[in-house]
C-alpha cells in the first residue's frame, strides 16, 4: 500500500518542521567584501610596536628558513620541501596568537608556523627527509604532526578542542589548511561538527591561489572561501594574508572568541605562493612570471619593513641585524642537516601503539634476527679481509 492509498491521505498536507527556519541570522557571519588590512592604513597607528618588530624578525627568519630548506632538497638532504615563501605572514601570525596550552594543527607547508611556535628547525624537517615518524613529540610542543593528506587534520583539531572543553580545559585549537583542502570532505565535516558543538577551533585557510596547478576559480564559485563559513553557522573573516599585523589581529580575535566559548571562526587569508608547489613541481606550466612579479610588490616582509621604517621603529642596522640572525639560524640548520643521522631500524616499532600488538612483536623479533645475522656476516667479512 502506498502513502496515497492510506485512509485520509488526500487530506494530508505536509508542512515543514520548525527546523527549516534559520537557526542563526546570517548577516553577522558574512565576511567583509574586501580583505582586512592594517599596514598602510589608519589602523596601523594602533598596532603594538613590539609586536610588529617581533613579526618582522620572525618573517625574515622564516624567509631564510625557506631558502635554506629549498637548497637542502637540491643537495639531496631533503626528499621534498613545500616552500611557504610569500606566505610567511600567515605562518608566523598563526604561531604567535596561541598560548602555550593551545594546539596548532599544521599542514605539510606549515613548517614555519611550527618553528615559530618553538619547534627545533631540524625536527620540523625530519619528516620531509624521510626520517622517523613525525620528527617531534606532538604532546610536548602542542603541535600535531605536519599533515600531508589534505585537510585530515581539521577533524582532529575539532575533536581535540571539543574534548578539551568537555574536560574543562581552557584550550583553543588552530587548524591550518590551503585553499585546495577546502575541496575535501574533511573540511566540510570538521566545520560542521565544530559549529554544531561550538568547539573552540579557529580554521585558517591560506588561499595562495593554487591547489598545486589548479586555480581557485576551478575549485569554487563562492564569492570567497570565507563565505563558506555562513553555511555552517560560524563567522567568516577575510584578511590580507601578506599583512602580518592584520592576520595576527584577525586570528587573535578569533582565538579570543573561541576561548570565550562563542564557537569557531573560519579565516581566509589571501596570499600567494611565490615558489613552486614543491621542488618537484614546475610552476611555469600553469602561471606566468608577470603574475609572480605582481605579487612581489605585495611581499609580506616589504610591507612590514616599510611600516616599521616609516614610523622610525626600524633602521638599516636593525634590518642588517635581522638578516644576520637569520643567517646564523640557516648555518646551524645546514650544518646539522648535513650530518648523516644515526638510524636504528628497530625504532620502526616504537610510537606505533602505547602497547605493542602481538603482530608488531613478531615483526620486531624477525627484524632483530635479520639485523643480528647481517651484523655477524659483516664481522666475518671484516675478519677475512684482515
Protein backbone atom coordinates (compact mmCIF):
# COMPACT_ATOMS: atom_id res chain seq x y z
CA UNK A 1 0.00 0.00 0.00
CA UNK A 2 1.38 3.41 -0.96
CA UNK A 3 1.00 6.60 1.03
CA UNK A 4 -1.64 7.83 -1.39
CA UNK A 5 -3.73 4.68 -0.72
CA UNK A 6 -3.79 5.19 3.04
CA UNK A 7 -7.09 6.31 4.55
CA UNK A 8 -7.23 10.10 4.76
CA UNK A 9 -4.18 10.52 2.56
CA UNK A 10 -5.95 13.00 0.29
CA UNK A 11 -6.40 15.40 3.21
CA UNK A 12 -2.74 15.14 4.28
CA UNK A 13 -0.82 18.34 3.70
CA UNK A 14 2.78 18.14 4.93
CA UNK A 15 4.30 21.30 6.44
CA UNK A 16 7.97 21.88 7.05
CA UNK A 17 9.09 21.27 10.63
CA UNK A 18 10.35 24.25 12.64
CA UNK A 19 13.96 23.32 11.88
CA UNK A 20 13.64 24.75 8.37
CA UNK A 21 13.81 28.23 9.81
CA UNK A 22 17.29 29.80 10.05
CA UNK A 23 18.98 28.97 13.32
CA UNK A 24 21.25 31.98 13.02
CA UNK A 25 20.99 35.42 11.47
CA UNK A 26 23.41 35.12 8.55
CA UNK A 27 24.27 38.83 8.33
CA UNK A 28 26.78 38.94 11.23
CA UNK A 29 28.53 35.85 9.85
CA UNK A 30 29.30 37.32 6.44
CA UNK A 31 32.88 38.43 5.75
CA UNK A 32 33.70 41.94 4.64
CA UNK A 33 33.73 42.42 0.85
CA UNK A 34 37.46 43.27 0.89
CA UNK A 35 40.31 41.62 2.85
CA UNK A 36 41.01 43.38 6.15
CA UNK A 37 44.29 45.33 6.24
CA UNK A 38 46.32 47.11 8.91
CA UNK A 39 49.64 48.07 7.32
CA UNK A 40 49.35 51.24 5.28
CA UNK A 41 46.01 52.17 6.88
CA UNK A 42 44.94 54.28 9.87
CA UNK A 43 44.69 51.07 11.92
CA UNK A 44 48.48 50.71 11.83
CA UNK A 45 48.84 53.54 14.36
CA UNK A 46 47.24 51.32 17.00
CA UNK A 47 49.50 48.33 16.31
CA UNK A 48 51.89 47.37 19.13
CA UNK A 49 55.44 48.34 18.06
CA UNK A 50 56.96 45.43 19.98
CA UNK A 51 54.64 43.00 18.20
CA UNK A 52 55.45 44.49 14.80
CA UNK A 53 59.18 44.15 15.42
CA UNK A 54 58.77 40.55 16.55
CA UNK A 55 56.68 39.76 13.50
CA UNK A 56 59.35 41.30 11.30
CA UNK A 57 62.18 39.32 12.88
CA UNK A 58 60.23 36.08 12.51
CA UNK A 59 59.31 36.87 8.90
CA UNK A 60 62.95 37.44 7.97
CA UNK A 61 63.98 34.25 9.72
CA UNK A 62 61.16 32.36 8.03
CA UNK A 63 62.16 33.58 4.57
CA UNK A 64 65.73 32.43 5.20
CA UNK A 65 64.47 29.09 6.53
CA UNK A 66 62.51 28.53 3.33
CA UNK A 67 65.54 29.34 1.19
CA UNK A 68 67.81 27.02 3.18
CA UNK A 69 65.34 24.14 3.19
CA UNK A 70 64.86 24.50 -0.57
CA UNK A 71 68.62 24.36 -1.04
CA UNK A 72 68.78 21.20 1.07
CA UNK A 73 66.42 19.45 -1.36
CA UNK A 74 68.80 20.24 -4.21
CA UNK A 75 71.65 18.77 -2.17
CA UNK A 76 69.73 15.56 -1.52
CA UNK A 77 69.36 16.22 2.20
CA UNK A 78 65.58 16.55 1.97
CA UNK A 79 63.27 14.34 -0.07
CA UNK A 80 60.84 17.20 -0.68
CA UNK A 81 60.12 20.67 0.64
CA UNK A 82 56.90 22.65 0.16
CA UNK A 83 58.11 26.24 0.46
CA UNK A 84 55.92 28.90 2.08
CA UNK A 85 57.85 31.84 0.64
CA UNK A 86 55.36 34.67 0.27
CA UNK A 87 53.06 33.18 2.90
CA UNK A 88 55.27 33.82 5.93
CA UNK A 89 52.84 36.33 7.46
CA UNK A 90 50.14 33.65 7.77
CA UNK A 91 52.58 31.13 9.22
CA UNK A 92 54.12 33.43 11.82
CA UNK A 93 50.87 35.04 12.93
CA UNK A 94 49.27 31.63 13.42
CA UNK A 95 52.03 30.61 15.80
CA UNK A 96 52.21 33.85 17.76
CA UNK A 97 48.50 34.21 18.57
CA UNK A 98 48.41 30.93 20.51
CA UNK A 99 49.02 30.46 24.22
CA UNK A 100 51.37 27.70 25.35
CA UNK A 101 48.41 25.50 26.33
CA UNK A 102 46.79 25.76 22.89
CA UNK A 103 47.28 23.38 19.98
CA UNK A 104 48.45 24.01 16.43
CA UNK A 105 47.31 21.67 13.64
CA UNK A 106 49.53 22.37 10.62
CA UNK A 107 49.52 21.11 7.07
CA UNK A 108 52.64 19.96 5.22
CA UNK A 109 53.51 23.53 4.14
CA UNK A 110 53.38 24.96 7.66
CA UNK A 111 56.88 24.21 8.92
CA UNK A 112 57.44 27.92 9.64
CA UNK A 113 54.46 28.02 11.96
CA UNK A 114 55.84 25.03 13.86
CA UNK A 115 59.30 26.59 14.15
CA UNK A 116 57.88 29.96 15.23
CA UNK A 117 55.95 28.10 17.94
CA UNK A 118 59.28 26.82 19.31
CA UNK A 119 59.93 23.58 17.45
CA UNK A 120 63.58 22.77 16.67
CA UNK A 121 64.14 23.74 12.98
CA UNK A 122 65.73 20.35 12.27
CA UNK A 123 62.86 18.44 13.88
CA UNK A 124 60.43 20.37 11.68
CA UNK A 125 62.19 18.90 8.63
CA UNK A 126 62.69 15.38 9.91
CA UNK A 127 59.52 14.03 8.32
CA UNK A 128 60.43 15.64 4.99
CA UNK A 129 63.82 13.92 4.92
CA UNK A 130 62.14 10.52 5.28
CA UNK A 131 63.25 10.04 8.87
CA UNK A 132 61.41 8.72 11.90
CA UNK A 133 57.69 9.21 12.41
CA UNK A 134 56.67 12.85 12.91
CA UNK A 135 60.13 14.01 13.87
CA UNK A 136 58.97 15.50 17.16
CA UNK A 137 56.71 14.80 20.12
CA UNK A 138 53.31 16.42 19.41
CA UNK A 139 52.33 16.41 23.09
CA UNK A 140 55.48 18.19 24.19
CA UNK A 141 55.11 21.02 21.70
CA UNK A 142 51.32 21.01 21.33
CA UNK A 143 51.82 20.78 17.58
CA UNK A 144 50.03 18.00 15.73
CA UNK A 145 52.04 16.11 13.07
CA UNK A 146 52.68 18.02 9.85
CA UNK A 147 49.81 16.69 7.80
CA UNK A 148 50.45 15.58 4.22
CA UNK A 149 46.94 14.25 3.40
CA UNK A 150 44.75 17.23 2.58
CA UNK A 151 42.51 18.51 5.40
CA UNK A 152 42.56 15.35 7.52
CA UNK A 153 43.99 17.38 10.41
CA UNK A 154 40.85 19.52 10.60
CA UNK A 155 38.52 16.92 12.18
CA UNK A 156 41.38 16.04 14.57
CA UNK A 157 41.55 19.67 15.67
CA UNK A 158 37.81 19.74 16.28
CA UNK A 159 37.92 16.50 18.26
CA UNK A 160 40.76 17.72 20.47
CA UNK A 161 39.14 21.09 21.07
CA UNK A 162 35.76 19.54 21.85
CA UNK A 163 37.35 17.04 24.24
CA UNK A 164 39.28 19.82 25.97
CA UNK A 165 36.10 21.79 26.52
CA UNK A 166 34.30 18.73 27.92
CA UNK A 167 37.18 18.32 30.38
CA UNK A 168 37.04 21.97 31.32
CA UNK A 169 40.48 22.77 29.85
CA UNK A 170 40.93 26.30 28.54
CA UNK A 171 42.38 25.22 25.19
CA UNK A 172 41.94 26.52 21.65
CA UNK A 173 42.96 24.61 18.52
CA UNK A 174 44.11 26.48 15.42
CA UNK A 175 43.95 24.39 12.26
CA UNK A 176 45.73 25.45 9.08
CA UNK A 177 44.76 24.37 5.58
CA UNK A 178 45.28 25.51 1.99
CA UNK A 179 42.62 26.52 -0.49
CA UNK A 180 42.88 23.08 -2.08
CA UNK A 181 41.98 21.49 1.23
CA UNK A 182 38.62 23.27 1.25
CA UNK A 183 37.54 20.97 -1.60
CA UNK A 184 37.97 17.91 0.62
CA UNK A 185 35.17 16.23 2.56
CA UNK A 186 37.16 16.52 5.78
CA UNK A 187 36.83 20.30 5.51
CA UNK A 188 33.04 20.08 5.45
CA UNK A 189 32.85 17.54 8.25
CA UNK A 190 35.21 19.48 10.50
CA UNK A 191 33.42 22.81 10.09
CA UNK A 192 30.01 21.25 10.51
CA UNK A 193 30.93 19.42 13.73
CA UNK A 194 32.78 22.45 15.08
CA UNK A 195 29.82 24.76 14.56
CA UNK A 196 27.23 22.34 15.95
CA UNK A 197 29.37 21.62 19.02
CA UNK A 198 30.57 25.25 19.28
CA UNK A 199 34.05 23.83 19.61
CA UNK A 200 36.91 26.26 20.40
CA UNK A 201 38.58 25.99 17.00
CA UNK A 202 39.92 28.53 14.52
CA UNK A 203 40.25 27.44 10.89
CA UNK A 204 42.88 29.34 8.91
CA UNK A 205 42.68 28.90 5.15
CA UNK A 206 45.80 30.11 3.37
CA UNK A 207 44.42 30.92 -0.05
CA UNK A 208 47.59 31.06 -2.14
CA UNK A 209 45.75 30.88 -5.45
CA UNK A 210 46.55 27.32 -6.48
CA UNK A 211 46.00 23.75 -5.35
CA UNK A 212 49.23 22.59 -6.99
CA UNK A 213 48.30 23.65 -10.55
CA UNK A 214 44.53 24.06 -10.09
CA UNK A 215 43.49 27.72 -9.75
CA UNK A 216 40.90 28.72 -7.17
CA UNK A 217 38.29 29.50 -9.84
CA UNK A 218 38.23 25.80 -10.77
CA UNK A 219 37.61 24.76 -7.16
CA UNK A 220 34.78 27.00 -6.08
CA UNK A 221 32.25 29.51 -7.39
CA UNK A 222 31.73 31.07 -3.94
CA UNK A 223 32.34 34.83 -3.54
CA UNK A 224 35.24 33.88 -1.27
CA UNK A 225 36.27 30.89 0.79
CA UNK A 226 35.36 32.89 3.89
CA UNK A 227 31.75 32.95 2.69
CA UNK A 228 31.61 29.18 3.17
CA UNK A 229 31.51 29.80 6.93
CA UNK A 230 27.91 31.05 6.73
CA UNK A 231 26.66 27.67 5.55
CA UNK A 232 27.94 26.09 8.75
CA UNK A 233 26.76 28.81 11.11
CA UNK A 234 30.09 30.40 12.03
CA UNK A 235 31.63 33.79 11.24
CA UNK A 236 33.82 34.13 8.17
CA UNK A 237 36.69 36.63 8.13
CA UNK A 238 38.61 37.75 5.07
CA UNK A 239 42.10 39.15 5.64
CA UNK A 240 45.10 40.22 3.60
CA UNK A 241 47.38 37.23 4.18
CA UNK A 242 50.53 39.25 3.40
CA UNK A 243 49.74 41.84 6.09
CA UNK A 244 51.27 40.24 9.18
CA UNK A 245 49.67 42.72 11.57
CA UNK A 246 46.21 42.19 10.07
CA UNK A 247 46.49 38.39 10.14
CA UNK A 248 47.66 38.49 13.76
CA UNK A 249 44.77 40.75 14.75
CA UNK A 250 42.07 38.74 12.98
CA UNK A 251 43.38 35.41 14.27
CA UNK A 252 43.78 36.88 17.76
CA UNK A 253 40.14 37.97 17.78
CA UNK A 254 39.05 34.53 16.55
CA UNK A 255 41.12 32.75 19.21
CA UNK A 256 39.72 35.02 21.93
CA UNK A 257 36.19 34.36 20.68
CA UNK A 258 36.74 30.61 20.77
CA UNK A 259 38.22 30.82 24.27
CA UNK A 260 35.13 32.68 25.48
CA UNK A 261 33.01 29.73 24.38
CA UNK A 262 31.48 31.51 21.39
CA UNK A 263 32.46 28.83 18.90
CA UNK A 264 34.64 28.50 15.80
CA UNK A 265 35.66 31.02 13.14
CA UNK A 266 36.77 30.50 9.55
CA UNK A 267 39.51 32.90 8.47
CA UNK A 268 40.57 33.15 4.84
CA UNK A 269 43.97 34.76 4.37
CA UNK A 270 44.51 35.87 0.78
CA UNK A 271 48.18 35.33 -0.04
CA UNK A 272 50.38 33.91 -2.79
CA UNK A 273 52.82 31.04 -3.15
CA UNK A 274 55.92 32.61 -4.69
CA UNK A 275 57.76 29.33 -5.20
CA UNK A 276 56.54 26.17 -6.88
CA UNK A 277 54.22 23.80 -5.03
CA UNK A 278 57.26 21.73 -4.06
CA UNK A 279 60.71 21.20 -5.54
CA UNK A 280 59.10 18.50 -7.72
CA UNK A 281 56.70 20.98 -9.36
CA UNK A 282 57.18 23.17 -12.45
CA UNK A 283 55.02 26.23 -11.73
CA UNK A 284 55.81 27.80 -15.12
CA UNK A 285 53.42 25.32 -16.72
CA UNK A 286 50.36 26.95 -15.14
CA UNK A 287 51.27 30.57 -14.26
CA UNK A 288 53.31 33.36 -15.83
CA UNK A 289 56.22 35.36 -14.50
CA UNK A 290 54.20 38.58 -14.65
CA UNK A 291 51.73 37.21 -12.13
CA UNK A 292 54.50 36.25 -9.72
CA UNK A 293 56.22 39.64 -10.12
CA UNK A 294 52.97 41.46 -9.38
CA UNK A 295 52.78 39.69 -6.05
CA UNK A 296 56.40 40.51 -5.23
CA UNK A 297 55.30 44.10 -4.89
CA UNK A 298 53.00 42.92 -2.10
CA UNK A 299 55.70 40.93 -0.30
CA UNK A 300 54.90 40.50 3.44
CA UNK A 301 58.43 41.42 4.54
CA UNK A 302 58.49 44.52 2.36
CA UNK A 303 55.09 45.67 3.66
CA UNK A 304 56.11 45.35 7.29
CA UNK A 305 59.57 46.81 6.73
CA UNK A 306 58.01 49.88 5.10
CA UNK A 307 55.70 50.38 8.08
CA UNK A 308 58.47 49.99 10.65
CA UNK A 309 60.97 52.26 8.92
CA UNK A 310 58.30 54.85 8.26
CA UNK A 311 57.48 55.01 11.96
CA UNK A 312 61.13 55.11 12.98
CA UNK A 313 60.93 51.71 14.65
CA UNK A 314 63.47 50.07 12.35
CA UNK A 315 66.65 51.40 10.74
CA UNK A 316 69.34 49.97 8.48
CA UNK A 317 71.19 48.47 11.44
CA UNK A 318 68.02 46.69 12.56
CA UNK A 319 67.44 45.29 9.08
CA UNK A 320 71.01 44.00 8.92
CA UNK A 321 70.75 42.50 12.41
CA UNK A 322 67.59 40.59 11.49
CA UNK A 323 69.23 39.20 8.36
CA UNK A 324 72.40 38.23 10.20
CA UNK A 325 70.43 36.40 12.90
CA UNK A 326 68.54 34.55 10.17
CA UNK A 327 71.83 33.60 8.51
CA UNK A 328 73.13 32.18 11.80
CA UNK A 329 69.99 30.07 12.09
CA UNK A 330 70.39 28.86 8.50
CA UNK A 331 74.05 27.97 9.02
CA UNK A 332 73.17 25.87 12.06
CA UNK A 333 70.34 24.20 10.19
CA UNK A 334 72.60 23.45 7.24
CA UNK A 335 75.35 22.01 9.42
CA UNK A 336 73.02 19.76 11.36
CA UNK A 337 71.12 18.59 8.29
CA UNK A 338 74.37 17.73 6.51
CA UNK A 339 75.26 15.30 9.27
CA UNK A 340 74.02 11.80 8.47
CA UNK A 341 71.56 10.69 11.14
CA UNK A 342 72.26 7.52 13.10
CA UNK A 343 69.27 5.34 12.36
CA UNK A 344 68.03 2.37 14.34
CA UNK A 345 65.72 0.15 12.26
CA UNK A 346 64.14 -1.15 15.47
CA UNK A 347 62.70 2.30 16.11
CA UNK A 348 60.15 1.49 13.38
CA UNK A 349 58.18 -0.34 16.03
CA UNK A 350 58.26 2.45 18.62
CA UNK A 351 55.45 5.01 18.97
CA UNK A 352 53.00 2.95 16.90
CA UNK A 353 50.86 1.81 19.83
CA UNK A 354 51.13 2.56 23.53
CA UNK A 355 51.46 -1.22 23.97
CA UNK A 356 52.77 -3.24 21.06
CA UNK A 357 50.43 -5.71 19.43
CA UNK A 358 51.36 -9.36 19.05
CA UNK A 359 51.87 -8.85 15.32
CA UNK A 360 54.27 -5.97 15.91
CA UNK A 361 56.22 -8.02 18.44
CA UNK A 362 56.54 -10.84 15.92
CA UNK A 363 57.71 -8.45 13.20
CA UNK A 364 60.21 -6.82 15.56
CA UNK A 365 61.59 -10.21 16.55
CA UNK A 366 62.07 -11.22 12.90
CA UNK A 367 63.83 -7.96 12.09
CA UNK A 368 66.09 -8.33 15.13
CA UNK A 369 67.17 -11.79 13.93
CA UNK A 370 67.88 -10.43 10.44
CA UNK A 371 69.89 -7.50 11.80
CA UNK A 372 71.95 -9.77 14.03
CA UNK A 373 72.65 -12.09 11.10
CA UNK A 374 73.67 -9.13 8.96
CA UNK A 375 75.95 -7.88 11.75
CA UNK A 376 77.58 -11.30 12.12
CA UNK A 377 78.13 -11.53 8.36
CA UNK A 378 79.71 -8.08 8.40
CA UNK A 379 82.10 -9.19 11.17
CA UNK A 380 83.01 -12.36 9.25
CA UNK A 381 83.72 -10.36 6.09
CA UNK A 382 85.90 -7.95 8.03
CA UNK A 383 87.85 -10.83 9.58
CA UNK A 384 88.51 -12.36 6.15
CA UNK A 385 89.83 -9.03 4.83
CA UNK A 386 92.30 -8.87 7.73
